[in-house]
């Protein structure tokens, strides 16, 4: 789910959708309006799920999308190598996530862990 807002209302530390990927805003630089144009914002951000650095340049009055980022809790059902089978503690949805071997080794079935969900993607915090 995503909402629409103006580029000028975005702040550092918040989220924005760039190339259909939810991203956390690292920095915002706004230029002054020129003789023949509007003020523009350069937004540097990092993808929540892929870690790729992205940047966009848009007029301050332009519309952009802001993702709804939810922090939830899940219970570990089973661990198979680096793949975790999890169940959301509120709506009992079952899903699988792949994590590093070192992270999977520190978890055990029955344990509750936090995760992030946005635009149909999930990852452990």
PDB file of N, CA and C in Angstrom:
ATOM      1  N   UNK A   1       0.841  -1.174   0.000  1.00  0.00           N
ATOM      2  CA  UNK A   1       0.000   0.000   0.000  1.00  0.00           C
ATOM      3  C   UNK A   1       0.892   1.246   0.000  1.00  0.00           C
ATOM      4  N   UNK A   2       0.499   2.238  -0.774  1.00  0.00           N
ATOM      5  CA  UNK A   2       1.273   3.477  -0.805  1.00  0.00           C
ATOM      6  C   UNK A   2       0.334   4.668  -0.893  1.00  0.00           C
ATOM      7  N   UNK A   3       0.810   5.792  -0.384  1.00  0.00           N
ATOM      8  CA  UNK A   3       0.037   7.023  -0.370  1.00  0.00           C
ATOM      9  C   UNK A   3       0.748   8.067  -1.216  1.00  0.00           C
ATOM     10  N   UNK A   4       0.003   9.055  -1.696  1.00  0.00           N
ATOM     11  CA  UNK A   4       0.591  10.102  -2.520  1.00  0.00           C
ATOM     12  C   UNK A   4       0.804  11.373  -1.694  1.00  0.00           C
ATOM     13  N   UNK A   5       1.960  12.034  -1.912  1.00  0.00           N
ATOM     14  CA  UNK A   5       2.263  13.280  -1.210  1.00  0.00           C
ATOM     15  C   UNK A   5       3.135  14.149  -2.111  1.00  0.00           C
ATOM     16  N   UNK A   6       3.363  15.397  -1.696  1.00  0.00           N
ATOM     17  CA  UNK A   6       4.227  16.298  -2.456  1.00  0.00           C
ATOM     18  C   UNK A   6       5.679  16.085  -2.073  1.00  0.00           C
ATOM     19  N   UNK A   7       6.581  16.260  -3.027  1.00  0.00           N
ATOM     20  CA  UNK A   7       8.012  16.083  -2.790  1.00  0.00           C
ATOM     21  C   UNK A   7       8.504  17.054  -1.718  1.00  0.00           C
ATOM     22  N   UNK A   8       7.972  18.270  -1.682  1.00  0.00           N
ATOM     23  CA  UNK A   8       8.393  19.276  -0.715  1.00  0.00           C
ATOM     24  C   UNK A   8       8.074  18.928   0.733  1.00  0.00           C
ATOM     25  N   UNK A   9       7.156  17.973   0.954  1.00  0.00           N
ATOM     26  CA  UNK A   9       6.767  17.597   2.313  1.00  0.00           C
ATOM     27  C   UNK A   9       7.590  16.426   2.855  1.00  0.00           C
ATOM     28  N   UNK A  10       8.454  15.847   2.027  1.00  0.00           N
ATOM     29  CA  UNK A  10       9.271  14.717   2.474  1.00  0.00           C
ATOM     30  C   UNK A  10      10.368  15.191   3.419  1.00  0.00           C
ATOM     31  N   UNK A  11      10.762  14.318   4.352  1.00  0.00           N
ATOM     32  CA  UNK A  11      11.808  14.644   5.316  1.00  0.00           C
ATOM     33  C   UNK A  11      12.807  13.493   5.399  1.00  0.00           C
ATOM     34  N   UNK A  12      14.028  13.805   5.869  1.00  0.00           N
ATOM     35  CA  UNK A  12      15.046  12.775   6.054  1.00  0.00           C
ATOM     36  C   UNK A  12      14.576  11.772   7.094  1.00  0.00           C
ATOM     37  N   UNK A  13      14.897  10.498   6.866  1.00  0.00           N
ATOM     38  CA  UNK A  13      14.496   9.449   7.790  1.00  0.00           C
ATOM     39  C   UNK A  13      13.141   8.846   7.464  1.00  0.00           C
ATOM     40  N   UNK A  14      12.377   9.491   6.592  1.00  0.00           N
ATOM     41  CA  UNK A  14      11.074   8.962   6.177  1.00  0.00           C
ATOM     42  C   UNK A  14      11.272   8.060   4.964  1.00  0.00           C
ATOM     43  N   UNK A  15      10.173   7.633   4.344  1.00  0.00           N
ATOM     44  CA  UNK A  15      10.239   6.689   3.233  1.00  0.00           C
ATOM     45  C   UNK A  15       9.629   7.279   1.974  1.00  0.00           C
ATOM     46  N   UNK A  16      10.103   6.775   0.811  1.00  0.00           N
ATOM     47  CA  UNK A  16       9.592   7.187  -0.489  1.00  0.00           C
ATOM     48  C   UNK A  16       9.714   5.987  -1.429  1.00  0.00           C
ATOM     49  N   UNK A  17       8.849   5.922  -2.448  1.00  0.00           N
ATOM     50  CA  UNK A  17       8.913   4.846  -3.431  1.00  0.00           C
ATOM     51  C   UNK A  17       9.713   5.339  -4.634  1.00  0.00           C
ATOM     52  N   UNK A  18      10.825   4.645  -4.953  1.00  0.00           N
ATOM     53  CA  UNK A  18      11.644   4.962  -6.117  1.00  0.00           C
ATOM     54  C   UNK A  18      11.810   3.671  -6.912  1.00  0.00           C
ATOM     55  N   UNK A  19      11.434   3.688  -8.191  1.00  0.00           N
ATOM     56  CA  UNK A  19      11.527   2.510  -9.057  1.00  0.00           C
ATOM     57  C   UNK A  19      10.795   1.314  -8.443  1.00  0.00           C
ATOM     58  N   UNK A  20       9.599   1.537  -7.908  1.00  0.00           N
ATOM     59  CA  UNK A  20       8.757   0.513  -7.270  1.00  0.00           C
ATOM     60  C   UNK A  20       9.429  -0.185  -6.095  1.00  0.00           C
ATOM     61  N   UNK A  21      10.374   0.468  -5.442  1.00  0.00           N
ATOM     62  CA  UNK A  21      11.068  -0.074  -4.272  1.00  0.00           C
ATOM     63  C   UNK A  21      10.913   0.917  -3.119  1.00  0.00           C
ATOM     64  N   UNK A  22      10.440   0.462  -1.944  1.00  0.00           N
ATOM     65  CA  UNK A  22      10.386   1.373  -0.808  1.00  0.00           C
ATOM     66  C   UNK A  22      11.799   1.716  -0.343  1.00  0.00           C
ATOM     67  N   UNK A  23      12.084   3.007  -0.166  1.00  0.00           N
ATOM     68  CA  UNK A  23      13.429   3.462   0.194  1.00  0.00           C
ATOM     69  C   UNK A  23      13.367   4.398   1.390  1.00  0.00           C
ATOM     70  N   UNK A  24      14.425   4.387   2.196  1.00  0.00           N
ATOM     71  CA  UNK A  24      14.553   5.305   3.323  1.00  0.00           C
ATOM     72  C   UNK A  24      15.350   6.513   2.851  1.00  0.00           C
ATOM     73  N   UNK A  25      14.852   7.716   3.130  1.00  0.00           N
ATOM     74  CA  UNK A  25      15.496   8.948   2.676  1.00  0.00           C
ATOM     75  C   UNK A  25      16.722   9.234   3.541  1.00  0.00           C
ATOM     76  N   UNK A  26      17.887   9.403   2.880  1.00  0.00           N
ATOM     77  CA  UNK A  26      19.144   9.687   3.569  1.00  0.00           C
ATOM     78  C   UNK A  26      19.395  11.191   3.607  1.00  0.00           C
ATOM     79  N   UNK A  27      19.184  11.867   2.466  1.00  0.00           N
ATOM     80  CA  UNK A  27      19.396  13.320   2.431  1.00  0.00           C
ATOM     81  C   UNK A  27      18.489  13.963   1.389  1.00  0.00           C
ATOM     82  N   UNK A  28      18.176  15.234   1.648  1.00  0.00           N
ATOM     83  CA  UNK A  28      17.364  16.029   0.722  1.00  0.00           C
ATOM     84  C   UNK A  28      18.062  17.365   0.517  1.00  0.00           C
ATOM     85  N   UNK A  29      18.289  17.729  -0.748  1.00  0.00           N
ATOM     86  CA  UNK A  29      18.867  19.033  -1.085  1.00  0.00           C
ATOM     87  C   UNK A  29      17.855  19.764  -1.967  1.00  0.00           C
ATOM     88  N   UNK A  30      17.488  20.976  -1.580  1.00  0.00           N
ATOM     89  CA  UNK A  30      16.502  21.750  -2.327  1.00  0.00           C
ATOM     90  C   UNK A  30      17.177  22.971  -2.932  1.00  0.00           C
ATOM     91  N   UNK A  31      16.974  23.149  -4.254  1.00  0.00           N
ATOM     92  CA  UNK A  31      17.540  24.322  -4.929  1.00  0.00           C
ATOM     93  C   UNK A  31      16.508  25.441  -4.939  1.00  0.00           C
ATOM     94  N   UNK A  32      16.991  26.669  -5.085  1.00  0.00           N
ATOM     95  CA  UNK A  32      16.095  27.820  -5.139  1.00  0.00           C
ATOM     96  C   UNK A  32      15.426  27.874  -6.502  1.00  0.00           C
ATOM     97  N   UNK A  33      14.248  28.484  -6.564  1.00  0.00           N
ATOM     98  CA  UNK A  33      13.597  28.620  -7.874  1.00  0.00           C
ATOM     99  C   UNK A  33      14.405  29.563  -8.761  1.00  0.00           C
ATOM    100  N   UNK A  34      14.504  29.204 -10.018  1.00  0.00           N
ATOM    101  CA  UNK A  34      15.269  30.019 -10.961  1.00  0.00           C
ATOM    102  C   UNK A  34      14.379  30.989 -11.695  1.00  0.00           C
ATOM    103  N   UNK A  35      14.962  31.647 -12.700  1.00  0.00           N
ATOM    104  CA  UNK A  35      14.240  32.651 -13.470  1.00  0.00           C
ATOM    105  C   UNK A  35      13.079  32.019 -14.249  1.00  0.00           C
ATOM    106  N   UNK A  36      13.301  30.786 -14.746  1.00  0.00           N
ATOM    107  CA  UNK A  36      12.277  30.149 -15.581  1.00  0.00           C
ATOM    108  C   UNK A  36      11.778  28.822 -15.026  1.00  0.00           C
ATOM    109  N   UNK A  37      11.973  28.562 -13.748  1.00  0.00           N
ATOM    110  CA  UNK A  37      11.537  27.256 -13.257  1.00  0.00           C
ATOM    111  C   UNK A  37      11.250  27.237 -11.782  1.00  0.00           C
ATOM    112  N   UNK A  38      10.741  26.118 -11.351  1.00  0.00           N
ATOM    113  CA  UNK A  38      10.378  25.938  -9.950  1.00  0.00           C
ATOM    114  C   UNK A  38      11.557  25.382  -9.155  1.00  0.00           C
ATOM    115  N   UNK A  39      11.449  25.457  -7.840  1.00  0.00           N
ATOM    116  CA  UNK A  39      12.472  24.877  -6.971  1.00  0.00           C
ATOM    117  C   UNK A  39      12.456  23.361  -7.150  1.00  0.00           C
ATOM    118  N   UNK A  40      13.641  22.761  -7.106  1.00  0.00           N
ATOM    119  CA  UNK A  40      13.743  21.319  -7.282  1.00  0.00           C
ATOM    120  C   UNK A  40      14.376  20.691  -6.047  1.00  0.00           C
ATOM    121  N   UNK A  41      14.012  19.427  -5.793  1.00  0.00           N
ATOM    122  CA  UNK A  41      14.595  18.678  -4.685  1.00  0.00           C
ATOM    123  C   UNK A  41      15.362  17.490  -5.230  1.00  0.00           C
ATOM    124  N   UNK A  42      16.560  17.269  -4.673  1.00  0.00           N
ATOM    125  CA  UNK A  42      17.327  16.068  -4.987  1.00  0.00           C
ATOM    126  C   UNK A  42      17.239  15.190  -3.739  1.00  0.00           C
ATOM    127  N   UNK A  43      16.687  14.002  -3.913  1.00  0.00           N
ATOM    128  CA  UNK A  43      16.474  13.085  -2.795  1.00  0.00           C
ATOM    129  C   UNK A  43      17.370  11.867  -2.972  1.00  0.00           C
ATOM    130  N   UNK A  44      18.270  11.646  -2.004  1.00  0.00           N
ATOM    131  CA  UNK A  44      19.115  10.457  -1.991  1.00  0.00           C
ATOM    132  C   UNK A  44      18.525   9.484  -0.985  1.00  0.00           C
ATOM    133  N   UNK A  45      18.361   8.227  -1.405  1.00  0.00           N
ATOM    134  CA  UNK A  45      17.748   7.238  -0.524  1.00  0.00           C
ATOM    135  C   UNK A  45      18.357   5.855  -0.750  1.00  0.00           C
ATOM    136  N   UNK A  46      18.090   4.951   0.193  1.00  0.00           N
ATOM    137  CA  UNK A  46      18.601   3.584   0.134  1.00  0.00           C
ATOM    138  C   UNK A  46      17.418   2.631   0.228  1.00  0.00           C
ATOM    139  N   UNK A  47      17.373   1.635  -0.663  1.00  0.00           N
ATOM    140  CA  UNK A  47      16.292   0.647  -0.693  1.00  0.00           C
ATOM    141  C   UNK A  47      16.210  -0.143   0.605  1.00  0.00           C
ATOM    142  N   UNK A  48      14.992  -0.308   1.121  1.00  0.00           N
ATOM    143  CA  UNK A  48      14.793  -1.049   2.367  1.00  0.00           C
ATOM    144  C   UNK A  48      15.134  -2.526   2.224  1.00  0.00           C
ATOM    145  N   UNK A  49      14.791  -3.112   1.091  1.00  0.00           N
ATOM    146  CA  UNK A  49      14.944  -4.554   0.938  1.00  0.00           C
ATOM    147  C   UNK A  49      16.168  -4.964   0.141  1.00  0.00           C
ATOM    148  N   UNK A  50      16.664  -4.093  -0.764  1.00  0.00           N
ATOM    149  CA  UNK A  50      17.827  -4.484  -1.568  1.00  0.00           C
ATOM    150  C   UNK A  50      19.097  -3.697  -1.234  1.00  0.00           C
ATOM    151  N   UNK A  51      18.990  -2.622  -0.447  1.00  0.00           N
ATOM    152  CA  UNK A  51      20.169  -1.861  -0.025  1.00  0.00           C
ATOM    153  C   UNK A  51      20.815  -1.032  -1.124  1.00  0.00           C
ATOM    154  N   UNK A  52      20.161  -0.876  -2.271  1.00  0.00           N
ATOM    155  CA  UNK A  52      20.708  -0.112  -3.394  1.00  0.00           C
ATOM    156  C   UNK A  52      20.464   1.378  -3.177  1.00  0.00           C
ATOM    157  N   UNK A  53      21.507   2.188  -3.420  1.00  0.00           N
ATOM    158  CA  UNK A  53      21.383   3.642  -3.276  1.00  0.00           C
ATOM    159  C   UNK A  53      20.745   4.205  -4.545  1.00  0.00           C
ATOM    160  N   UNK A  54      19.738   5.037  -4.354  1.00  0.00           N
ATOM    161  CA  UNK A  54      19.025   5.648  -5.479  1.00  0.00           C
ATOM    162  C   UNK A  54      18.886   7.144  -5.211  1.00  0.00           C
ATOM    163  N   UNK A  55      18.710   7.915  -6.282  1.00  0.00           N
ATOM    164  CA  UNK A  55      18.424   9.337  -6.099  1.00  0.00           C
ATOM    165  C   UNK A  55      17.464   9.788  -7.189  1.00  0.00           C
ATOM    166  N   UNK A  56      16.625  10.750  -6.814  1.00  0.00           N
ATOM    167  CA  UNK A  56      15.672  11.324  -7.766  1.00  0.00           C
ATOM    168  C   UNK A  56      15.736  12.846  -7.658  1.00  0.00           C
ATOM    169  N   UNK A  57      15.462  13.519  -8.771  1.00  0.00           N
ATOM    170  CA  UNK A  57      15.393  14.982  -8.801  1.00  0.00           C
ATOM    171  C   UNK A  57      14.023  15.333  -9.363  1.00  0.00           C
ATOM    172  N   UNK A  58      13.228  16.053  -8.555  1.00  0.00           N
ATOM    173  CA  UNK A  58      11.881  16.426  -8.977  1.00  0.00           C
ATOM    174  C   UNK A  58      11.546  17.819  -8.459  1.00  0.00           C
ATOM    175  N   UNK A  59      10.623  18.519  -9.140  1.00  0.00           N
ATOM    176  CA  UNK A  59      10.162  19.807  -8.607  1.00  0.00           C
ATOM    177  C   UNK A  59       9.525  19.606  -7.230  1.00  0.00           C
ATOM    178  N   UNK A  60       9.632  20.594  -6.369  1.00  0.00           N
ATOM    179  CA  UNK A  60       9.107  20.514  -5.005  1.00  0.00           C
ATOM    180  C   UNK A  60       7.596  20.289  -5.014  1.00  0.00           C
ATOM    181  N   UNK A  61       6.892  20.813  -6.006  1.00  0.00           N
ATOM    182  CA  UNK A  61       5.435  20.687  -6.052  1.00  0.00           C
ATOM    183  C   UNK A  61       4.964  19.388  -6.702  1.00  0.00           C
ATOM    184  N   UNK A  62       5.877  18.564  -7.222  1.00  0.00           N
ATOM    185  CA  UNK A  62       5.498  17.309  -7.878  1.00  0.00           C
ATOM    186  C   UNK A  62       4.949  16.314  -6.858  1.00  0.00           C
ATOM    187  N   UNK A  63       4.121  15.398  -7.332  1.00  0.00           N
ATOM    188  CA  UNK A  63       3.555  14.357  -6.472  1.00  0.00           C
ATOM    189  C   UNK A  63       4.441  13.114  -6.556  1.00  0.00           C
ATOM    190  N   UNK A  64       4.573  12.417  -5.422  1.00  0.00           N
ATOM    191  CA  UNK A  64       5.310  11.166  -5.373  1.00  0.00           C
ATOM    192  C   UNK A  64       4.616  10.232  -4.393  1.00  0.00           C
ATOM    193  N   UNK A  65       5.028   8.978  -4.405  1.00  0.00           N
ATOM    194  CA  UNK A  65       4.392   7.992  -3.524  1.00  0.00           C
ATOM    195  C   UNK A  65       5.241   7.713  -2.291  1.00  0.00           C
ATOM    196  N   UNK A  66       4.569   7.518  -1.170  1.00  0.00           N
ATOM    197  CA  UNK A  66       5.202   7.175   0.098  1.00  0.00           C
ATOM    198  C   UNK A  66       4.665   5.803   0.499  1.00  0.00           C
ATOM    199  N   UNK A  67       5.536   4.816   0.731  1.00  0.00           N
ATOM    200  CA  UNK A  67       5.040   3.483   1.085  1.00  0.00           C
ATOM    201  C   UNK A  67       4.573   3.425   2.543  1.00  0.00           C
ATOM    202  N   UNK A  68       3.646   2.532   2.809  1.00  0.00           N
ATOM    203  CA  UNK A  68       3.233   2.272   4.188  1.00  0.00           C
ATOM    204  C   UNK A  68       4.145   1.157   4.688  1.00  0.00           C
ATOM    205  N   UNK A  69       5.035   1.482   5.633  1.00  0.00           N
ATOM    206  CA  UNK A  69       5.986   0.517   6.181  1.00  0.00           C
ATOM    207  C   UNK A  69       5.476   0.083   7.555  1.00  0.00           C
ATOM    208  N   UNK A  70       5.223  -1.214   7.689  1.00  0.00           N
ATOM    209  CA  UNK A  70       4.687  -1.742   8.944  1.00  0.00           C
ATOM    210  C   UNK A  70       5.741  -2.570   9.664  1.00  0.00           C
ATOM    211  N   UNK A  71       5.846  -2.371  10.959  1.00  0.00           N
ATOM    212  CA  UNK A  71       6.721  -3.191  11.791  1.00  0.00           C
ATOM    213  C   UNK A  71       5.831  -4.176  12.533  1.00  0.00           C
ATOM    214  N   UNK A  72       6.105  -5.466  12.343  1.00  0.00           N
ATOM    215  CA  UNK A  72       5.260  -6.509  12.917  1.00  0.00           C
ATOM    216  C   UNK A  72       6.120  -7.535  13.653  1.00  0.00           C
ATOM    217  N   UNK A  73       5.450  -8.442  14.331  1.00  0.00           N
ATOM    218  CA  UNK A  73       6.123  -9.542  15.036  1.00  0.00           C
ATOM    219  C   UNK A  73       5.690 -10.855  14.398  1.00  0.00           C
ATOM    220  N   UNK A  74       6.640 -11.801  14.334  1.00  0.00           N
ATOM    221  CA  UNK A  74       6.356 -13.123  13.793  1.00  0.00           C
ATOM    222  C   UNK A  74       6.985 -14.171  14.697  1.00  0.00           C
ATOM    223  N   UNK A  75       6.381 -15.340  14.714  1.00  0.00           N
ATOM    224  CA  UNK A  75       6.912 -16.464  15.488  1.00  0.00           C
ATOM    225  C   UNK A  75       7.620 -17.417  14.530  1.00  0.00           C
ATOM    226  N   UNK A  76       8.813 -17.866  14.919  1.00  0.00           N
ATOM    227  CA  UNK A  76       9.573 -18.812  14.107  1.00  0.00           C
ATOM    228  C   UNK A  76       8.910 -20.177  14.242  1.00  0.00           C
ATOM    229  N   UNK A  77       8.497 -20.760  13.111  1.00  0.00           N
ATOM    230  CA  UNK A  77       7.864 -22.078  13.117  1.00  0.00           C
ATOM    231  C   UNK A  77       8.921 -23.158  12.902  1.00  0.00           C
ATOM    232  N   UNK A  78       9.759 -22.968  11.860  1.00  0.00           N
ATOM    233  CA  UNK A  78      10.827 -23.934  11.603  1.00  0.00           C
ATOM    234  C   UNK A  78      11.991 -23.240  10.912  1.00  0.00           C
ATOM    235  N   UNK A  79      13.170 -23.887  11.002  1.00  0.00           N
ATOM    236  CA  UNK A  79      14.388 -23.366  10.375  1.00  0.00           C
ATOM    237  C   UNK A  79      14.995 -24.476   9.532  1.00  0.00           C
ATOM    238  N   UNK A  80      15.201 -24.199   8.241  1.00  0.00           N
ATOM    239  CA  UNK A  80      15.828 -25.166   7.332  1.00  0.00           C
ATOM    240  C   UNK A  80      16.995 -24.461   6.655  1.00  0.00           C
ATOM    241  N   UNK A  81      18.202 -24.627   7.200  1.00  0.00           N
ATOM    242  CA  UNK A  81      19.371 -23.936   6.651  1.00  0.00           C
ATOM    243  C   UNK A  81      19.239 -22.446   6.893  1.00  0.00           C
ATOM    244  N   UNK A  82      19.166 -21.673   5.792  1.00  0.00           N
ATOM    245  CA  UNK A  82      19.033 -20.223   5.904  1.00  0.00           C
ATOM    246  C   UNK A  82      17.594 -19.764   5.685  1.00  0.00           C
ATOM    247  N   UNK A  83      16.657 -20.711   5.529  1.00  0.00           N
ATOM    248  CA  UNK A  83      15.261 -20.373   5.285  1.00  0.00           C
ATOM    249  C   UNK A  83      14.452 -20.527   6.569  1.00  0.00           C
ATOM    250  N   UNK A  84      13.739 -19.462   6.907  1.00  0.00           N
ATOM    251  CA  UNK A  84      12.890 -19.474   8.099  1.00  0.00           C
ATOM    252  C   UNK A  84      11.434 -19.556   7.670  1.00  0.00           C
ATOM    253  N   UNK A  85      10.671 -20.395   8.351  1.00  0.00           N
ATOM    254  CA  UNK A  85       9.232 -20.405   8.150  1.00  0.00           C
ATOM    255  C   UNK A  85       8.651 -19.645   9.342  1.00  0.00           C
ATOM    256  N   UNK A  86       7.908 -18.562   9.035  1.00  0.00           N
ATOM    257  CA  UNK A  86       7.400 -17.670  10.073  1.00  0.00           C
ATOM    258  C   UNK A  86       5.885 -17.570  10.016  1.00  0.00           C
ATOM    259  N   UNK A  87       5.296 -17.190  11.167  1.00  0.00           N
ATOM    260  CA  UNK A  87       3.866 -16.958  11.241  1.00  0.00           C
ATOM    261  C   UNK A  87       3.640 -15.620  11.939  1.00  0.00           C
ATOM    262  N   UNK A  88       2.902 -14.731  11.290  1.00  0.00           N
ATOM    263  CA  UNK A  88       2.574 -13.438  11.891  1.00  0.00           C
ATOM    264  C   UNK A  88       1.734 -13.678  13.142  1.00  0.00           C
ATOM    265  N   UNK A  89       2.070 -12.990  14.238  1.00  0.00           N
ATOM    266  CA  UNK A  89       1.378 -13.232  15.508  1.00  0.00           C
ATOM    267  C   UNK A  89      -0.020 -12.606  15.550  1.00  0.00           C
ATOM    268  N   UNK A  90      -0.337 -11.640  14.681  1.00  0.00           N
ATOM    269  CA  UNK A  90      -1.658 -11.009  14.703  1.00  0.00           C
ATOM    270  C   UNK A  90      -2.645 -11.690  13.757  1.00  0.00           C
ATOM    271  N   UNK A  91      -2.249 -11.864  12.478  1.00  0.00           N
ATOM    272  CA  UNK A  91      -3.204 -12.421  11.513  1.00  0.00           C
ATOM    273  C   UNK A  91      -2.894 -13.875  11.123  1.00  0.00           C
ATOM    274  N   UNK A  92      -1.885 -14.496  11.754  1.00  0.00           N
ATOM    275  CA  UNK A  92      -1.537 -15.908  11.564  1.00  0.00           C
ATOM    276  C   UNK A  92      -1.155 -16.263  10.128  1.00  0.00           C
ATOM    277  N   UNK A  93      -0.690 -15.272   9.357  1.00  0.00           N
ATOM    278  CA  UNK A  93      -0.238 -15.514   7.992  1.00  0.00           C
ATOM    279  C   UNK A  93       1.105 -16.260   8.040  1.00  0.00           C
ATOM    280  N   UNK A  94       1.246 -17.296   7.236  1.00  0.00           N
ATOM    281  CA  UNK A  94       2.490 -18.067   7.170  1.00  0.00           C
ATOM    282  C   UNK A  94       3.300 -17.572   5.967  1.00  0.00           C
ATOM    283  N   UNK A  95       4.620 -17.401   6.154  1.00  0.00           N
ATOM    284  CA  UNK A  95       5.496 -16.997   5.063  1.00  0.00           C
ATOM    285  C   UNK A  95       6.914 -17.449   5.348  1.00  0.00           C
ATOM    286  N   UNK A  96       7.744 -17.424   4.314  1.00  0.00           N
ATOM    287  CA  UNK A  96       9.145 -17.830   4.450  1.00  0.00           C
ATOM    288  C   UNK A  96      10.054 -16.666   4.122  1.00  0.00           C
ATOM    289  N   UNK A  97      11.164 -16.564   4.839  1.00  0.00           N
ATOM    290  CA  UNK A  97      12.193 -15.562   4.582  1.00  0.00           C
ATOM    291  C   UNK A  97      13.547 -16.257   4.565  1.00  0.00           C
ATOM    292  N   UNK A  98      14.441 -15.787   3.703  1.00  0.00           N
ATOM    293  CA  UNK A  98      15.802 -16.306   3.668  1.00  0.00           C
ATOM    294  C   UNK A  98      16.707 -15.313   4.368  1.00  0.00           C
ATOM    295  N   UNK A  99      17.510 -15.813   5.300  1.00  0.00           N
ATOM    296  CA  UNK A  99      18.440 -14.966   6.051  1.00  0.00           C
ATOM    297  C   UNK A  99      19.827 -15.596   5.984  1.00  0.00           C
ATOM    298  N   UNK A 100      20.809 -14.902   6.499  1.00  0.00           N
ATOM    299  CA  UNK A 100      22.167 -15.433   6.536  1.00  0.00           C
ATOM    300  C   UNK A 100      22.266 -16.606   7.494  1.00  0.00           C
ATOM    301  N   UNK A 101      23.219 -17.521   7.231  1.00  0.00           N
ATOM    302  CA  UNK A 101      23.409 -18.695   8.090  1.00  0.00           C
ATOM    303  C   UNK A 101      23.678 -18.289   9.535  1.00  0.00           C
ATOM    304  N   UNK A 102      24.470 -17.205   9.732  1.00  0.00           N
ATOM    305  CA  UNK A 102      24.797 -16.767  11.091  1.00  0.00           C
ATOM    306  C   UNK A 102      23.549 -16.294  11.835  1.00  0.00           C
ATOM    307  N   UNK A 103      22.649 -15.611  11.125  1.00  0.00           N
ATOM    308  CA  UNK A 103      21.404 -15.129  11.748  1.00  0.00           C
ATOM    309  C   UNK A 103      20.467 -16.289  12.062  1.00  0.00           C
ATOM    310  N   UNK A 104      20.391 -17.279  11.136  1.00  0.00           N
ATOM    311  CA  UNK A 104      19.511 -18.426  11.346  1.00  0.00           C
ATOM    312  C   UNK A 104      19.992 -19.265  12.527  1.00  0.00           C
ATOM    313  N   UNK A 105      21.295 -19.326  12.753  1.00  0.00           N
ATOM    314  CA  UNK A 105      21.844 -20.110  13.856  1.00  0.00           C
ATOM    315  C   UNK A 105      21.496 -19.550  15.222  1.00  0.00           C
ATOM    316  N   UNK A 106      21.225 -18.243  15.287  1.00  0.00           N
ATOM    317  CA  UNK A 106      20.909 -17.624  16.580  1.00  0.00           C
ATOM    318  C   UNK A 106      19.415 -17.680  16.908  1.00  0.00           C
ATOM    319  N   UNK A 107      18.604 -18.189  15.975  1.00  0.00           N
ATOM    320  CA  UNK A 107      17.156 -18.271  16.191  1.00  0.00           C
ATOM    321  C   UNK A 107      16.748 -19.710  16.510  1.00  0.00           C
ATOM    322  N   UNK A 108      15.600 -19.847  17.165  1.00  0.00           N
ATOM    323  CA  UNK A 108      15.084 -21.181  17.464  1.00  0.00           C
ATOM    324  C   UNK A 108      13.562 -21.175  17.325  1.00  0.00           C
ATOM    325  N   UNK A 109      12.959 -22.328  16.996  1.00  0.00           N
ATOM    326  CA  UNK A 109      11.495 -22.399  16.840  1.00  0.00           C
ATOM    327  C   UNK A 109      10.778 -21.946  18.109  1.00  0.00           C
ATOM    328  N   UNK A 110       9.674 -21.220  17.908  1.00  0.00           N
ATOM    329  CA  UNK A 110       8.892 -20.712  19.027  1.00  0.00           C
ATOM    330  C   UNK A 110       9.264 -19.289  19.413  1.00  0.00           C
ATOM    331  N   UNK A 111      10.408 -18.813  18.951  1.00  0.00           N
ATOM    332  CA  UNK A 111      10.875 -17.468  19.287  1.00  0.00           C
ATOM    333  C   UNK A 111      10.102 -16.427  18.467  1.00  0.00           C
ATOM    334  N   UNK A 112       9.817 -15.276  19.075  1.00  0.00           N
ATOM    335  CA  UNK A 112       9.158 -14.189  18.349  1.00  0.00           C
ATOM    336  C   UNK A 112      10.204 -13.166  17.934  1.00  0.00           C
ATOM    337  N   UNK A 113      10.140 -12.754  16.651  1.00  0.00           N
ATOM    338  CA  UNK A 113      11.116 -11.806  16.117  1.00  0.00           C
ATOM    339  C   UNK A 113      10.397 -10.700  15.346  1.00  0.00           C
ATOM    340  N   UNK A 114      10.962  -9.468  15.328  1.00  0.00           N
ATOM    341  CA  UNK A 114      10.346  -8.374  14.571  1.00  0.00           C
ATOM    342  C   UNK A 114      10.712  -8.452  13.088  1.00  0.00           C
ATOM    343  N   UNK A 115       9.796  -7.993  12.232  1.00  0.00           N
ATOM    344  CA  UNK A 115      10.073  -7.895  10.798  1.00  0.00           C
ATOM    345  C   UNK A 115       9.375  -6.671  10.220  1.00  0.00           C
ATOM    346  N   UNK A 116       9.828  -6.285   9.014  1.00  0.00           N
ATOM    347  CA  UNK A 116       9.279  -5.115   8.317  1.00  0.00           C
ATOM    348  C   UNK A 116       8.513  -5.606   7.096  1.00  0.00           C
ATOM    349  N   UNK A 117       7.363  -4.999   6.828  1.00  0.00           N
ATOM    350  CA  UNK A 117       6.551  -5.354   5.673  1.00  0.00           C
ATOM    351  C   UNK A 117       6.150  -4.080   4.927  1.00  0.00           C
ATOM    352  N   UNK A 118       6.371  -4.081   3.605  1.00  0.00           N
ATOM    353  CA  UNK A 118       5.979  -2.929   2.784  1.00  0.00           C
ATOM    354  C   UNK A 118       5.886  -3.342   1.322  1.00  0.00           C
ATOM    355  N   UNK A 119       4.826  -2.925   0.637  1.00  0.00           N
ATOM    356  CA  UNK A 119       4.605  -3.194  -0.777  1.00  0.00           C
ATOM    357  C   UNK A 119       4.751  -4.680  -1.106  1.00  0.00           C
ATOM    358  N   UNK A 120       4.248  -5.537  -0.233  1.00  0.00           N
ATOM    359  CA  UNK A 120       4.269  -6.974  -0.486  1.00  0.00           C
ATOM    360  C   UNK A 120       5.599  -7.663  -0.223  1.00  0.00           C
ATOM    361  N   UNK A 121       6.584  -6.942   0.296  1.00  0.00           N
ATOM    362  CA  UNK A 121       7.889  -7.522   0.599  1.00  0.00           C
ATOM    363  C   UNK A 121       8.088  -7.546   2.108  1.00  0.00           C
ATOM    364  N   UNK A 122       8.902  -8.511   2.567  1.00  0.00           N
ATOM    365  CA  UNK A 122       9.146  -8.637   4.003  1.00  0.00           C
ATOM    366  C   UNK A 122      10.629  -8.888   4.237  1.00  0.00           C
ATOM    367  N   UNK A 123      11.135  -8.442   5.411  1.00  0.00           N
ATOM    368  CA  UNK A 123      12.494  -8.757   5.827  1.00  0.00           C
ATOM    369  C   UNK A 123      12.597  -8.614   7.341  1.00  0.00           C
ATOM    370  N   UNK A 124      13.562  -9.332   7.918  1.00  0.00           N
ATOM    371  CA  UNK A 124      13.783  -9.220   9.359  1.00  0.00           C
ATOM    372  C   UNK A 124      14.433  -7.896   9.676  1.00  0.00           C
ATOM    373  N   UNK A 125      14.110  -7.366  10.863  1.00  0.00           N
ATOM    374  CA  UNK A 125      14.747  -6.103  11.284  1.00  0.00           C
ATOM    375  C   UNK A 125      16.149  -6.349  11.747  1.00  0.00           C
TER     376      UNK A 125
END
